[in-house]
Each structure stands twice: as C-alpha cells, then as structure tokens.
Amino acid sequence: MQRIGMVIKLNADKVAEYKRLHADVWPEVLEMIKQCNIRNYTIFLREPENLLFSYYEYAGEDYAADQAKMAAHPKTQEWWSVCMPCQKPLDTAKDGEWWIEMEDVFHLD
C-alpha cells in the first residue's frame, strides 16, 4: 500500500463551485478511481488560505500505468476540465506541475 498526499490552491471565487462539484462527483469518475486501484481518497480544504490537500492509498502494482489509464479516460478528462479552472498550482510548482505530491514524513497505524 502506497500513501499519497498532494496539495494545490483553490481560487477564492471558486470555493463554492468546487464544493458543489465534489458533493456530487460523476459516477464514471468514481468508478475509474476505483479501477485505478485508489482507495480511501479524501480531499480536505483549508480556508481562508484555500489550500486543498488530497490523500489516498494506492493498492495496485503499477502506479504509473494506473495514472496513465485514468488520464486517458474521456469522462475523467471532462471532469478535470471542469475542476481545473477552480484550482491553481502553488507558487513553488515546477513547470507542468499541478497537484504537488508531498513527502510522507510520519505515519502511525
């Protein structure tokens, strides 16, 4: 099991829209997440800084292949096109980086 934590900013004027979208995630997107071996997926919001923190557990054998499968899924691409305008990368993001993966420094079961 691999634990993944990532962070991104949320545009202040898009907070309500982002919450609304995630209150009713499209079933095809949820199914693709499961098919790509992602479990225990949670997104947290910290206001007023408008930081999004996502956490999930990857239970598959080939993370890169599962991520590519998800990225190729048309309904997921459509979902991302709706959600991405709500978000903006951190100032420290590298070129092409969106959600920034975080280092796992502590864990207790």
PDB file of N, CA and C in Angstrom:
ATOM      1  N   MET A   1       0.853  -1.178   0.000  1.00  0.00           N
ATOM      2  CA  MET A   1       0.000   0.000   0.000  1.00  0.00           C
ATOM      3  C   MET A   1       0.895   1.236   0.000  1.00  0.00           C
ATOM      4  N   GLN A   2       0.641   2.129  -0.930  1.00  0.00           N
ATOM      5  CA  GLN A   2       1.370   3.386  -1.017  1.00  0.00           C
ATOM      6  C   GLN A   2       0.418   4.507  -0.635  1.00  0.00           C
ATOM      7  N   ARG A   3       0.841   5.381   0.272  1.00  0.00           N
ATOM      8  CA  ARG A   3       0.030   6.530   0.671  1.00  0.00           C
ATOM      9  C   ARG A   3       0.506   7.750  -0.109  1.00  0.00           C
ATOM     10  N   ILE A   4      -0.444   8.502  -0.667  1.00  0.00           N
ATOM     11  CA  ILE A   4      -0.130   9.668  -1.486  1.00  0.00           C
ATOM     12  C   ILE A   4      -0.808  10.891  -0.883  1.00  0.00           C
ATOM     13  N   GLY A   5      -0.045  11.945  -0.681  1.00  0.00           N
ATOM     14  CA  GLY A   5      -0.582  13.229  -0.245  1.00  0.00           C
ATOM     15  C   GLY A   5      -0.164  14.288  -1.250  1.00  0.00           C
ATOM     16  N   MET A   6      -1.094  15.144  -1.632  1.00  0.00           N
ATOM     17  CA  MET A   6      -0.806  16.206  -2.592  1.00  0.00           C
ATOM     18  C   MET A   6      -1.499  17.497  -2.169  1.00  0.00           C
ATOM     19  N   VAL A   7      -1.002  18.622  -2.692  1.00  0.00           N
ATOM     20  CA  VAL A   7      -1.545  19.923  -2.330  1.00  0.00           C
ATOM     21  C   VAL A   7      -1.641  20.822  -3.569  1.00  0.00           C
ATOM     22  N   ILE A   8      -2.624  21.710  -3.539  1.00  0.00           N
ATOM     23  CA  ILE A   8      -2.825  22.723  -4.580  1.00  0.00           C
ATOM     24  C   ILE A   8      -3.645  23.852  -3.949  1.00  0.00           C
ATOM     25  N   LYS A   9      -3.690  24.980  -4.598  1.00  0.00           N
ATOM     26  CA  LYS A   9      -4.524  26.090  -4.124  1.00  0.00           C
ATOM     27  C   LYS A   9      -5.876  26.053  -4.834  1.00  0.00           C
ATOM     28  N   LEU A  10      -6.857  26.637  -4.183  1.00  0.00           N
ATOM     29  CA  LEU A  10      -8.194  26.779  -4.739  1.00  0.00           C
ATOM     30  C   LEU A  10      -8.456  28.265  -4.911  1.00  0.00           C
ATOM     31  N   ASN A  11      -8.922  28.658  -6.088  1.00  0.00           N
ATOM     32  CA  ASN A  11      -9.240  30.063  -6.311  1.00  0.00           C
ATOM     33  C   ASN A  11     -10.361  30.488  -5.372  1.00  0.00           C
ATOM     34  N   ALA A  12     -10.185  31.621  -4.710  1.00  0.00           N
ATOM     35  CA  ALA A  12     -11.140  32.082  -3.696  1.00  0.00           C
ATOM     36  C   ALA A  12     -12.556  32.214  -4.253  1.00  0.00           C
ATOM     37  N   ASP A  13     -12.686  32.627  -5.497  1.00  0.00           N
ATOM     38  CA  ASP A  13     -14.009  32.810  -6.082  1.00  0.00           C
ATOM     39  C   ASP A  13     -14.632  31.508  -6.585  1.00  0.00           C
ATOM     40  N   LYS A  14     -13.912  30.385  -6.410  1.00  0.00           N
ATOM     41  CA  LYS A  14     -14.402  29.093  -6.890  1.00  0.00           C
ATOM     42  C   LYS A  14     -14.657  28.090  -5.760  1.00  0.00           C
ATOM     43  N   VAL A  15     -14.548  28.530  -4.521  1.00  0.00           N
ATOM     44  CA  VAL A  15     -14.699  27.607  -3.388  1.00  0.00           C
ATOM     45  C   VAL A  15     -16.079  26.951  -3.403  1.00  0.00           C
ATOM     46  N   ALA A  16     -17.122  27.734  -3.526  1.00  0.00           N
ATOM     47  CA  ALA A  16     -18.483  27.181  -3.503  1.00  0.00           C
ATOM     48  C   ALA A  16     -18.700  26.219  -4.672  1.00  0.00           C
ATOM     49  N   GLU A  17     -18.201  26.576  -5.857  1.00  0.00           N
ATOM     50  CA  GLU A  17     -18.354  25.700  -7.017  1.00  0.00           C
ATOM     51  C   GLU A  17     -17.615  24.381  -6.816  1.00  0.00           C
ATOM     52  N   TYR A  18     -16.410  24.450  -6.284  1.00  0.00           N
ATOM     53  CA  TYR A  18     -15.618  23.236  -6.052  1.00  0.00           C
ATOM     54  C   TYR A  18     -16.313  22.321  -5.047  1.00  0.00           C
ATOM     55  N   LYS A  19     -16.836  22.902  -3.990  1.00  0.00           N
ATOM     56  CA  LYS A  19     -17.574  22.104  -3.004  1.00  0.00           C
ATOM     57  C   LYS A  19     -18.807  21.469  -3.641  1.00  0.00           C
ATOM     58  N   ARG A  20     -19.514  22.227  -4.471  1.00  0.00           N
ATOM     59  CA  ARG A  20     -20.709  21.702  -5.140  1.00  0.00           C
ATOM     60  C   ARG A  20     -20.344  20.546  -6.065  1.00  0.00           C
ATOM     61  N   LEU A  21     -19.288  20.710  -6.842  1.00  0.00           N
ATOM     62  CA  LEU A  21     -18.850  19.642  -7.743  1.00  0.00           C
ATOM     63  C   LEU A  21     -18.527  18.362  -6.976  1.00  0.00           C
ATOM     64  N   HIS A  22     -17.839  18.510  -5.862  1.00  0.00           N
ATOM     65  CA  HIS A  22     -17.400  17.335  -5.114  1.00  0.00           C
ATOM     66  C   HIS A  22     -18.474  16.752  -4.202  1.00  0.00           C
ATOM     67  N   ALA A  23     -19.569  17.458  -4.057  1.00  0.00           N
ATOM     68  CA  ALA A  23     -20.711  16.891  -3.341  1.00  0.00           C
ATOM     69  C   ALA A  23     -21.460  15.887  -4.222  1.00  0.00           C
ATOM     70  N   ASP A  24     -21.178  15.927  -5.530  1.00  0.00           N
ATOM     71  CA  ASP A  24     -21.876  15.060  -6.480  1.00  0.00           C
ATOM     72  C   ASP A  24     -20.921  14.659  -7.609  1.00  0.00           C
ATOM     73  N   VAL A  25     -19.847  13.960  -7.262  1.00  0.00           N
ATOM     74  CA  VAL A  25     -18.855  13.539  -8.263  1.00  0.00           C
ATOM     75  C   VAL A  25     -19.513  12.568  -9.233  1.00  0.00           C
ATOM     76  N   TRP A  26     -19.179  12.707 -10.501  1.00  0.00           N
ATOM     77  CA  TRP A  26     -19.770  11.867 -11.538  1.00  0.00           C
ATOM     78  C   TRP A  26     -19.442  10.393 -11.291  1.00  0.00           C
ATOM     79  N   PRO A  27     -20.432   9.518 -11.414  1.00  0.00           N
ATOM     80  CA  PRO A  27     -20.226   8.087 -11.154  1.00  0.00           C
ATOM     81  C   PRO A  27     -19.109   7.456 -11.988  1.00  0.00           C
ATOM     82  N   GLU A  28     -18.965   7.878 -13.239  1.00  0.00           N
ATOM     83  CA  GLU A  28     -17.917   7.322 -14.097  1.00  0.00           C
ATOM     84  C   GLU A  28     -16.527   7.669 -13.572  1.00  0.00           C
ATOM     85  N   VAL A  29     -16.407   8.840 -12.986  1.00  0.00           N
ATOM     86  CA  VAL A  29     -15.127   9.270 -12.415  1.00  0.00           C
ATOM     87  C   VAL A  29     -14.822   8.440 -11.161  1.00  0.00           C
ATOM     88  N   LEU A  30     -15.816   8.257 -10.327  1.00  0.00           N
ATOM     89  CA  LEU A  30     -15.625   7.445  -9.117  1.00  0.00           C
ATOM     90  C   LEU A  30     -15.238   6.013  -9.476  1.00  0.00           C
ATOM     91  N   GLU A  31     -15.881   5.463 -10.498  1.00  0.00           N
ATOM     92  CA  GLU A  31     -15.573   4.099 -10.914  1.00  0.00           C
ATOM     93  C   GLU A  31     -14.146   3.997 -11.452  1.00  0.00           C
ATOM     94  N   MET A  32     -13.701   4.984 -12.210  1.00  0.00           N
ATOM     95  CA  MET A  32     -12.332   4.965 -12.744  1.00  0.00           C
ATOM     96  C   MET A  32     -11.311   5.067 -11.620  1.00  0.00           C
ATOM     97  N   ILE A  33     -11.596   5.862 -10.616  1.00  0.00           N
ATOM     98  CA  ILE A  33     -10.698   5.948  -9.457  1.00  0.00           C
ATOM     99  C   ILE A  33     -10.519   4.565  -8.842  1.00  0.00           C
ATOM    100  N   LYS A  34     -11.613   3.859  -8.663  1.00  0.00           N
ATOM    101  CA  LYS A  34     -11.550   2.503  -8.101  1.00  0.00           C
ATOM    102  C   LYS A  34     -10.806   1.544  -9.030  1.00  0.00           C
ATOM    103  N   GLN A  35     -11.086   1.618 -10.334  1.00  0.00           N
ATOM    104  CA  GLN A  35     -10.419   0.745 -11.294  1.00  0.00           C
ATOM    105  C   GLN A  35      -8.905   0.972 -11.317  1.00  0.00           C
ATOM    106  N   CYS A  36      -8.489   2.170 -10.947  1.00  0.00           N
ATOM    107  CA  CYS A  36      -7.058   2.507 -10.941  1.00  0.00           C
ATOM    108  C   CYS A  36      -6.419   2.245  -9.584  1.00  0.00           C
ATOM    109  N   ASN A  37      -7.077   1.426  -8.771  1.00  0.00           N
ATOM    110  CA  ASN A  37      -6.528   0.935  -7.500  1.00  0.00           C
ATOM    111  C   ASN A  37      -6.309   2.017  -6.455  1.00  0.00           C
ATOM    112  N   ILE A  38      -7.128   3.053  -6.491  1.00  0.00           N
ATOM    113  CA  ILE A  38      -7.068   4.122  -5.491  1.00  0.00           C
ATOM    114  C   ILE A  38      -8.159   3.875  -4.463  1.00  0.00           C
ATOM    115  N   ARG A  39      -7.767   3.913  -3.206  1.00  0.00           N
ATOM    116  CA  ARG A  39      -8.680   3.658  -2.097  1.00  0.00           C
ATOM    117  C   ARG A  39      -8.559   4.791  -1.065  1.00  0.00           C
ATOM    118  N   ASN A  40      -9.565   4.904  -0.235  1.00  0.00           N
ATOM    119  CA  ASN A  40      -9.516   5.832   0.896  1.00  0.00           C
ATOM    120  C   ASN A  40      -9.131   7.245   0.443  1.00  0.00           C
ATOM    121  N   TYR A  41      -9.783   7.717  -0.610  1.00  0.00           N
ATOM    122  CA  TYR A  41      -9.461   9.008  -1.225  1.00  0.00           C
ATOM    123  C   TYR A  41     -10.232  10.117  -0.525  1.00  0.00           C
ATOM    124  N   THR A  42      -9.522  11.134  -0.086  1.00  0.00           N
ATOM    125  CA  THR A  42     -10.125  12.262   0.615  1.00  0.00           C
ATOM    126  C   THR A  42      -9.482  13.547   0.136  1.00  0.00           C
ATOM    127  N   ILE A  43     -10.288  14.592  -0.022  1.00  0.00           N
ATOM    128  CA  ILE A  43      -9.761  15.935  -0.287  1.00  0.00           C
ATOM    129  C   ILE A  43     -10.214  16.828   0.856  1.00  0.00           C
ATOM    130  N   PHE A  44      -9.249  17.504   1.463  1.00  0.00           N
ATOM    131  CA  PHE A  44      -9.509  18.443   2.553  1.00  0.00           C
ATOM    132  C   PHE A  44      -9.337  19.868   2.037  1.00  0.00           C
ATOM    133  N   LEU A  45     -10.090  20.807   2.590  1.00  0.00           N
ATOM    134  CA  LEU A  45      -9.967  22.222   2.256  1.00  0.00           C
ATOM    135  C   LEU A  45      -9.624  23.009   3.510  1.00  0.00           C
ATOM    136  N   ARG A  46      -8.609  23.845   3.401  1.00  0.00           N
ATOM    137  CA  ARG A  46      -8.231  24.747   4.497  1.00  0.00           C
ATOM    138  C   ARG A  46      -8.543  26.177   4.053  1.00  0.00           C
ATOM    139  N   GLU A  47      -9.562  26.753   4.705  1.00  0.00           N
ATOM    140  CA  GLU A  47      -9.893  28.159   4.469  1.00  0.00           C
ATOM    141  C   GLU A  47      -9.412  28.970   5.658  1.00  0.00           C
ATOM    142  N   PRO A  48      -9.030  30.182   5.533  1.00  0.00           N
ATOM    143  CA  PRO A  48      -9.170  31.071   4.379  1.00  0.00           C
ATOM    144  C   PRO A  48      -8.006  30.989   3.384  1.00  0.00           C
ATOM    145  N   GLU A  49      -7.022  30.150   3.650  1.00  0.00           N
ATOM    146  CA  GLU A  49      -5.873  30.054   2.744  1.00  0.00           C
ATOM    147  C   GLU A  49      -6.236  29.394   1.410  1.00  0.00           C
ATOM    148  N   ASN A  50      -7.357  28.675   1.415  1.00  0.00           N
ATOM    149  CA  ASN A  50      -7.847  27.970   0.229  1.00  0.00           C
ATOM    150  C   ASN A  50      -6.837  26.966  -0.307  1.00  0.00           C
ATOM    151  N   LEU A  51      -6.310  26.177   0.610  1.00  0.00           N
ATOM    152  CA  LEU A  51      -5.427  25.080   0.250  1.00  0.00           C
ATOM    153  C   LEU A  51      -6.237  23.795   0.192  1.00  0.00           C
ATOM    154  N   LEU A  52      -6.043  23.034  -0.869  1.00  0.00           N
ATOM    155  CA  LEU A  52      -6.634  21.703  -0.969  1.00  0.00           C
ATOM    156  C   LEU A  52      -5.535  20.688  -0.689  1.00  0.00           C
ATOM    157  N   PHE A  53      -5.844  19.733   0.158  1.00  0.00           N
ATOM    158  CA  PHE A  53      -4.929  18.640   0.449  1.00  0.00           C
ATOM    159  C   PHE A  53      -5.657  17.349   0.116  1.00  0.00           C
ATOM    160  N   SER A  54      -5.059  16.531  -0.736  1.00  0.00           N
ATOM    161  CA  SER A  54      -5.681  15.243  -1.053  1.00  0.00           C
ATOM    162  C   SER A  54      -4.829  14.122  -0.482  1.00  0.00           C
ATOM    163  N   TYR A  55      -5.519  13.081  -0.063  1.00  0.00           N
ATOM    164  CA  TYR A  55      -4.871  11.888   0.471  1.00  0.00           C
ATOM    165  C   TYR A  55      -5.570  10.680  -0.120  1.00  0.00           C
ATOM    166  N   TYR A  56      -4.772   9.715  -0.564  1.00  0.00           N
ATOM    167  CA  TYR A  56      -5.335   8.437  -0.974  1.00  0.00           C
ATOM    168  C   TYR A  56      -4.300   7.341  -0.816  1.00  0.00           C
ATOM    169  N   GLU A  57      -4.802   6.120  -0.875  1.00  0.00           N
ATOM    170  CA  GLU A  57      -3.938   4.948  -0.778  1.00  0.00           C
ATOM    171  C   GLU A  57      -3.979   4.223  -2.116  1.00  0.00           C
ATOM    172  N   TYR A  58      -2.816   3.891  -2.620  1.00  0.00           N
ATOM    173  CA  TYR A  58      -2.702   3.174  -3.881  1.00  0.00           C
ATOM    174  C   TYR A  58      -2.421   1.712  -3.580  1.00  0.00           C
ATOM    175  N   ALA A  59      -3.308   0.844  -4.070  1.00  0.00           N
ATOM    176  CA  ALA A  59      -3.218  -0.578  -3.755  1.00  0.00           C
ATOM    177  C   ALA A  59      -2.837  -1.430  -4.965  1.00  0.00           C
ATOM    178  N   GLY A  60      -2.411  -0.812  -6.049  1.00  0.00           N
ATOM    179  CA  GLY A  60      -2.080  -1.554  -7.261  1.00  0.00           C
ATOM    180  C   GLY A  60      -0.611  -1.926  -7.339  1.00  0.00           C
ATOM    181  N   GLU A  61      -0.229  -2.406  -8.521  1.00  0.00           N
ATOM    182  CA  GLU A  61       1.138  -2.870  -8.755  1.00  0.00           C
ATOM    183  C   GLU A  61       1.947  -1.911  -9.620  1.00  0.00           C
ATOM    184  N   ASP A  62       1.260  -1.072 -10.417  1.00  0.00           N
ATOM    185  CA  ASP A  62       1.956  -0.189 -11.357  1.00  0.00           C
ATOM    186  C   ASP A  62       1.284   1.189 -11.333  1.00  0.00           C
ATOM    187  N   TYR A  63       1.773   2.046 -10.452  1.00  0.00           N
ATOM    188  CA  TYR A  63       1.173   3.369 -10.242  1.00  0.00           C
ATOM    189  C   TYR A  63       1.170   4.185 -11.533  1.00  0.00           C
ATOM    190  N   ALA A  64       2.292   4.213 -12.237  1.00  0.00           N
ATOM    191  CA  ALA A  64       2.387   4.999 -13.466  1.00  0.00           C
ATOM    192  C   ALA A  64       1.362   4.525 -14.503  1.00  0.00           C
ATOM    193  N   ALA A  65       1.200   3.221 -14.652  1.00  0.00           N
ATOM    194  CA  ALA A  65       0.235   2.685 -15.617  1.00  0.00           C
ATOM    195  C   ALA A  65      -1.197   3.032 -15.209  1.00  0.00           C
ATOM    196  N   ASP A  66      -1.499   2.922 -13.936  1.00  0.00           N
ATOM    197  CA  ASP A  66      -2.849   3.259 -13.479  1.00  0.00           C
ATOM    198  C   ASP A  66      -3.133   4.750 -13.632  1.00  0.00           C
ATOM    199  N   GLN A  67      -2.143   5.595 -13.386  1.00  0.00           N
ATOM    200  CA  GLN A  67      -2.321   7.029 -13.575  1.00  0.00           C
ATOM    201  C   GLN A  67      -2.536   7.352 -15.055  1.00  0.00           C
ATOM    202  N   ALA A  68      -1.811   6.670 -15.933  1.00  0.00           N
ATOM    203  CA  ALA A  68      -1.979   6.862 -17.382  1.00  0.00           C
ATOM    204  C   ALA A  68      -3.369   6.407 -17.828  1.00  0.00           C
ATOM    205  N   LYS A  69      -3.832   5.293 -17.269  1.00  0.00           N
ATOM    206  CA  LYS A  69      -5.175   4.791 -17.586  1.00  0.00           C
ATOM    207  C   LYS A  69      -6.220   5.833 -17.206  1.00  0.00           C
ATOM    208  N   MET A  70      -6.084   6.410 -16.019  1.00  0.00           N
ATOM    209  CA  MET A  70      -7.031   7.421 -15.569  1.00  0.00           C
ATOM    210  C   MET A  70      -6.966   8.653 -16.469  1.00  0.00           C
ATOM    211  N   ALA A  71      -5.765   9.089 -16.806  1.00  0.00           N
ATOM    212  CA  ALA A  71      -5.592  10.287 -17.632  1.00  0.00           C
ATOM    213  C   ALA A  71      -6.151  10.102 -19.043  1.00  0.00           C
ATOM    214  N   ALA A  72      -6.224   8.873 -19.516  1.00  0.00           N
ATOM    215  CA  ALA A  72      -6.741   8.589 -20.857  1.00  0.00           C
ATOM    216  C   ALA A  72      -8.266   8.428 -20.889  1.00  0.00           C
ATOM    217  N   HIS A  73      -8.881   8.343 -19.733  1.00  0.00           N
ATOM    218  CA  HIS A  73     -10.326   8.110 -19.640  1.00  0.00           C
ATOM    219  C   HIS A  73     -11.086   9.392 -20.014  1.00  0.00           C
ATOM    220  N   PRO A  74     -11.923   9.361 -21.057  1.00  0.00           N
ATOM    221  CA  PRO A  74     -12.596  10.576 -21.527  1.00  0.00           C
ATOM    222  C   PRO A  74     -13.454  11.280 -20.474  1.00  0.00           C
ATOM    223  N   LYS A  75     -14.193  10.533 -19.678  1.00  0.00           N
ATOM    224  CA  LYS A  75     -15.054  11.183 -18.680  1.00  0.00           C
ATOM    225  C   LYS A  75     -14.208  11.829 -17.580  1.00  0.00           C
ATOM    226  N   THR A  76     -13.087  11.209 -17.223  1.00  0.00           N
ATOM    227  CA  THR A  76     -12.184  11.806 -16.241  1.00  0.00           C
ATOM    228  C   THR A  76     -11.564  13.074 -16.814  1.00  0.00           C
ATOM    229  N   GLN A  77     -11.194  13.055 -18.088  1.00  0.00           N
ATOM    230  CA  GLN A  77     -10.662  14.254 -18.731  1.00  0.00           C
ATOM    231  C   GLN A  77     -11.685  15.389 -18.693  1.00  0.00           C
ATOM    232  N   GLU A  78     -12.940  15.041 -18.945  1.00  0.00           N
ATOM    233  CA  GLU A  78     -14.016  16.041 -18.885  1.00  0.00           C
ATOM    234  C   GLU A  78     -14.163  16.589 -17.462  1.00  0.00           C
ATOM    235  N   TRP A  79     -14.113  15.702 -16.463  1.00  0.00           N
ATOM    236  CA  TRP A  79     -14.192  16.099 -15.052  1.00  0.00           C
ATOM    237  C   TRP A  79     -13.059  17.057 -14.704  1.00  0.00           C
ATOM    238  N   TRP A  80     -11.850  16.704 -15.112  1.00  0.00           N
ATOM    239  CA  TRP A  80     -10.704  17.565 -14.846  1.00  0.00           C
ATOM    240  C   TRP A  80     -10.885  18.940 -15.498  1.00  0.00           C
ATOM    241  N   SER A  81     -11.464  18.976 -16.692  1.00  0.00           N
ATOM    242  CA  SER A  81     -11.654  20.253 -17.382  1.00  0.00           C
ATOM    243  C   SER A  81     -12.638  21.149 -16.641  1.00  0.00           C
ATOM    244  N   VAL A  82     -13.536  20.548 -15.865  1.00  0.00           N
ATOM    245  CA  VAL A  82     -14.487  21.309 -15.057  1.00  0.00           C
ATOM    246  C   VAL A  82     -13.834  21.760 -13.744  1.00  0.00           C
ATOM    247  N   CYS A  83     -13.010  20.897 -13.161  1.00  0.00           N
ATOM    248  CA  CYS A  83     -12.400  21.198 -11.852  1.00  0.00           C
ATOM    249  C   CYS A  83     -11.163  22.093 -11.944  1.00  0.00           C
ATOM    250  N   MET A  84     -10.376  21.918 -13.001  1.00  0.00           N
ATOM    251  CA  MET A  84      -9.104  22.640 -13.084  1.00  0.00           C
ATOM    252  C   MET A  84      -9.240  24.162 -13.043  1.00  0.00           C
ATOM    253  N   PRO A  85     -10.269  24.774 -13.628  1.00  0.00           N
ATOM    254  CA  PRO A  85     -10.388  26.227 -13.518  1.00  0.00           C
ATOM    255  C   PRO A  85     -10.606  26.722 -12.083  1.00  0.00           C
ATOM    256  N   CYS A  86     -10.984  25.821 -11.199  1.00  0.00           N
ATOM    257  CA  CYS A  86     -11.170  26.175  -9.787  1.00  0.00           C
ATOM    258  C   CYS A  86      -9.833  26.217  -9.042  1.00  0.00           C
ATOM    259  N   GLN A  87      -8.839  25.581  -9.600  1.00  0.00           N
ATOM    260  CA  GLN A  87      -7.566  25.377  -8.904  1.00  0.00           C
ATOM    261  C   GLN A  87      -6.453  26.209  -9.524  1.00  0.00           C
ATOM    262  N   LYS A  88      -5.395  26.376  -8.731  1.00  0.00           N
ATOM    263  CA  LYS A  88      -4.172  26.969  -9.275  1.00  0.00           C
ATOM    264  C   LYS A  88      -2.990  26.383  -8.515  1.00  0.00           C
ATOM    265  N   PRO A  89      -1.925  26.074  -9.238  1.00  0.00           N
ATOM    266  CA  PRO A  89      -0.756  25.472  -8.583  1.00  0.00           C
ATOM    267  C   PRO A  89      -0.132  26.424  -7.566  1.00  0.00           C
ATOM    268  N   LEU A  90       0.564  25.857  -6.627  1.00  0.00           N
ATOM    269  CA  LEU A  90       1.324  26.676  -5.680  1.00  0.00           C
ATOM    270  C   LEU A  90       2.390  27.463  -6.428  1.00  0.00           C
ATOM    271  N   ASP A  91       2.823  28.561  -5.842  1.00  0.00           N
ATOM    272  CA  ASP A  91       3.868  29.381  -6.458  1.00  0.00           C
ATOM    273  C   ASP A  91       5.160  28.598  -6.665  1.00  0.00           C
ATOM    274  N   THR A  92       5.377  27.575  -5.861  1.00  0.00           N
ATOM    275  CA  THR A  92       6.610  26.777  -5.942  1.00  0.00           C
ATOM    276  C   THR A  92       6.516  25.616  -6.919  1.00  0.00           C
ATOM    277  N   ALA A  93       5.388  25.476  -7.605  1.00  0.00           N
ATOM    278  CA  ALA A  93       5.212  24.377  -8.560  1.00  0.00           C
ATOM    279  C   ALA A  93       6.198  24.508  -9.714  1.00  0.00           C
ATOM    280  N   LYS A  94       6.695  23.370 -10.168  1.00  0.00           N
ATOM    281  CA  LYS A  94       7.567  23.332 -11.340  1.00  0.00           C
ATOM    282  C   LYS A  94       6.706  23.430 -12.593  1.00  0.00           C
ATOM    283  N   ASP A  95       7.323  23.737 -13.718  1.00  0.00           N
ATOM    284  CA  ASP A  95       6.594  23.803 -14.979  1.00  0.00           C
ATOM    285  C   ASP A  95       5.855  22.486 -15.219  1.00  0.00           C
ATOM    286  N   GLY A  96       4.563  22.581 -15.531  1.00  0.00           N
ATOM    287  CA  GLY A  96       3.767  21.405 -15.812  1.00  0.00           C
ATOM    288  C   GLY A  96       3.214  20.704 -14.583  1.00  0.00           C
ATOM    289  N   GLU A  97       3.601  21.148 -13.399  1.00  0.00           N
ATOM    290  CA  GLU A  97       3.125  20.528 -12.160  1.00  0.00           C
ATOM    291  C   GLU A  97       1.796  21.169 -11.769  1.00  0.00           C
ATOM    292  N   TRP A  98       0.839  20.361 -11.375  1.00  0.00           N
ATOM    293  CA  TRP A  98      -0.466  20.862 -10.957  1.00  0.00           C
ATOM    294  C   TRP A  98      -0.620  20.551  -9.476  1.00  0.00           C
ATOM    295  N   TRP A  99      -1.257  19.446  -9.124  1.00  0.00           N
ATOM    296  CA  TRP A  99      -1.237  18.987  -7.731  1.00  0.00           C
ATOM    297  C   TRP A  99       0.206  18.587  -7.425  1.00  0.00           C
ATOM    298  N   ILE A 100       0.742  19.034  -6.310  1.00  0.00           N
ATOM    299  CA  ILE A 100       2.133  18.742  -5.964  1.00  0.00           C
ATOM    300  C   ILE A 100       2.164  17.637  -4.917  1.00  0.00           C
ATOM    301  N   GLU A 101       2.855  16.551  -5.253  1.00  0.00           N
ATOM    302  CA  GLU A 101       2.969  15.428  -4.321  1.00  0.00           C
ATOM    303  C   GLU A 101       3.828  15.827  -3.126  1.00  0.00           C
ATOM    304  N   MET A 102       3.434  15.357  -1.960  1.00  0.00           N
ATOM    305  CA  MET A 102       4.113  15.711  -0.715  1.00  0.00           C
ATOM    306  C   MET A 102       4.902  14.507  -0.190  1.00  0.00           C
ATOM    307  N   GLU A 103       5.931  14.791   0.577  1.00  0.00           N
ATOM    308  CA  GLU A 103       6.745  13.745   1.181  1.00  0.00           C
ATOM    309  C   GLU A 103       6.027  13.183   2.412  1.00  0.00           C
ATOM    310  N   ASP A 104       6.003  11.888   2.522  1.00  0.00           N
ATOM    311  CA  ASP A 104       5.442  11.190   3.683  1.00  0.00           C
ATOM    312  C   ASP A 104       6.524  11.164   4.767  1.00  0.00           C
ATOM    313  N   VAL A 105       6.356  11.945   5.834  1.00  0.00           N
ATOM    314  CA  VAL A 105       7.380  12.006   6.873  1.00  0.00           C
ATOM    315  C   VAL A 105       6.991  11.301   8.166  1.00  0.00           C
ATOM    316  N   PHE A 106       5.716  10.926   8.311  1.00  0.00           N
ATOM    317  CA  PHE A 106       5.301  10.216   9.509  1.00  0.00           C
ATOM    318  C   PHE A 106       4.004   9.489   9.238  1.00  0.00           C
ATOM    319  N   HIS A 107       3.894   8.307   9.829  1.00  0.00           N
ATOM    320  CA  HIS A 107       2.660   7.525   9.720  1.00  0.00           C
ATOM    321  C   HIS A 107       2.536   6.629  10.949  1.00  0.00           C
ATOM    322  N   LEU A 108       1.321   6.521  11.481  1.00  0.00           N
ATOM    323  CA  LEU A 108       1.030   5.610  12.582  1.00  0.00           C
ATOM    324  C   LEU A 108      -0.266   4.887  12.253  1.00  0.00           C
ATOM    325  N   ASP A 109      -0.230   3.562  12.231  1.00  0.00           N
ATOM    326  CA  ASP A 109      -1.467   2.777  12.031  1.00  0.00           C
ATOM    327  C   ASP A 109      -2.188   2.625  13.342  1.00  0.00           C
TER     328      ASP A 109
END
